[in-house]
Amino acid sequence: MNRLVGVSLFTLFSFLLWLYLASNHSTPDNWWTVKYIREINIHASDIKMIPDHFSISPVKILIGTGLFFILGTLLTILFRNYKVEKKP
């Protein structure tokens, strides 16, 4: 039971760390981000991306949630079948 709790907590904190970094410390150019640009202002042939015009994509969050759910499930199955042999 301790392994199951450990894997669950690891998966949960990994997901929360990804969500925080993908929504606050990334740019829309990164592949792992959940941001997308709602509006681009073009002024004097310069493209200006204002942070107020960024938004978070619910589809990317659902995809990330599904990936972490699958990862947690696979880790649970892997560690459930792993047995530690005790030496006498």
Protein backbone atom coordinates (compact mmCIF):
# COMPACT_ATOMS: atom_id res chain seq x y z
CA MET A 1 0.00 0.00 0.00
CA ASN A 2 2.91 2.37 0.66
CA ARG A 3 4.13 2.00 -2.93
CA LEU A 4 0.68 2.87 -4.27
CA VAL A 5 0.53 6.02 -2.16
CA GLY A 6 4.07 6.96 -3.20
CA VAL A 7 3.35 6.51 -6.91
CA SER A 8 0.10 8.46 -6.59
CA LEU A 9 1.78 11.36 -4.80
CA PHE A 10 4.67 11.38 -7.29
CA THR A 11 2.25 11.50 -10.21
CA LEU A 12 0.10 14.19 -8.60
CA PHE A 13 3.03 16.47 -7.75
CA SER A 14 4.58 15.91 -11.20
CA PHE A 15 1.28 16.91 -12.81
CA LEU A 16 0.95 20.02 -10.63
CA LEU A 17 4.56 21.02 -11.36
CA TRP A 18 3.99 20.58 -15.12
CA LEU A 19 0.76 22.60 -14.96
CA TYR A 20 2.43 25.44 -13.05
CA LEU A 21 5.46 25.60 -15.34
CA ALA A 22 3.43 25.18 -18.53
CA SER A 23 1.03 27.95 -17.64
CA ASN A 24 3.30 30.49 -15.93
CA HIS A 25 6.91 30.00 -17.04
CA SER A 26 6.64 29.13 -20.70
CA THR A 27 6.09 30.84 -24.01
CA PRO A 28 3.68 29.79 -26.74
CA ASP A 29 6.69 28.58 -28.77
CA ASN A 30 7.44 25.73 -26.34
CA TRP A 31 5.91 22.35 -27.19
CA TRP A 32 4.94 21.54 -23.58
CA THR A 33 3.11 24.78 -22.84
CA VAL A 34 -0.65 25.18 -22.39
CA LYS A 35 -0.66 28.78 -23.60
CA TYR A 36 -1.91 30.05 -26.91
CA ILE A 37 -2.06 33.56 -28.34
CA ARG A 38 -5.51 35.10 -28.59
CA GLU A 39 -4.39 38.28 -30.33
CA ILE A 40 -1.27 39.58 -32.04
CA ASN A 41 -0.81 43.31 -32.47
CA ILE A 42 1.09 44.49 -35.54
CA HIS A 43 2.40 48.01 -35.15
CA ALA A 44 4.82 49.57 -37.63
CA SER A 45 5.57 46.11 -39.13
CA ASP A 46 6.69 44.80 -35.71
CA ILE A 47 4.76 41.94 -34.15
CA LYS A 48 4.10 42.59 -30.48
CA MET A 49 2.78 39.76 -28.35
CA ILE A 50 1.32 41.29 -25.22
CA PRO A 51 1.06 38.90 -22.24
CA ASP A 52 -2.53 40.02 -21.60
CA HIS A 53 -3.46 38.42 -24.90
CA PHE A 54 -2.25 34.94 -23.87
CA SER A 55 -4.81 32.38 -22.84
CA ILE A 56 -4.71 28.82 -21.51
CA SER A 57 -5.99 26.04 -23.73
CA PRO A 58 -8.39 23.64 -21.97
CA VAL A 59 -7.71 21.01 -24.66
CA LYS A 60 -3.99 20.97 -23.87
CA ILE A 61 -4.76 20.69 -20.16
CA LEU A 62 -7.05 17.71 -20.81
CA ILE A 63 -4.39 16.04 -22.96
CA GLY A 64 -1.77 16.61 -20.25
CA THR A 65 -4.12 15.29 -17.57
CA GLY A 66 -4.75 12.16 -19.64
CA LEU A 67 -1.02 11.61 -20.18
CA PHE A 68 -0.27 11.92 -16.47
CA PHE A 69 -3.19 9.61 -15.64
CA ILE A 70 -1.80 6.99 -18.03
CA LEU A 71 1.71 7.48 -16.61
CA GLY A 72 0.42 7.02 -13.06
CA THR A 73 -1.51 3.91 -14.05
CA LEU A 74 1.53 2.37 -15.75
CA LEU A 75 3.77 3.17 -12.78
CA THR A 76 1.21 1.65 -10.41
CA ILE A 77 1.07 -1.56 -12.44
CA LEU A 78 4.87 -1.67 -12.68
CA PHE A 79 5.46 -1.17 -8.96
CA ARG A 80 2.61 -3.47 -7.93
CA ASN A 81 4.31 -6.39 -9.70
CA TYR A 82 7.77 -5.47 -8.39
CA LYS A 83 8.73 -7.60 -5.41
CA VAL A 84 11.66 -6.95 -3.13
CA GLU A 85 13.43 -10.04 -1.87
CA LYS A 86 14.59 -9.81 1.71
CA LYS A 87 17.95 -11.32 2.57
CA PRO A 88 18.15 -13.41 5.74
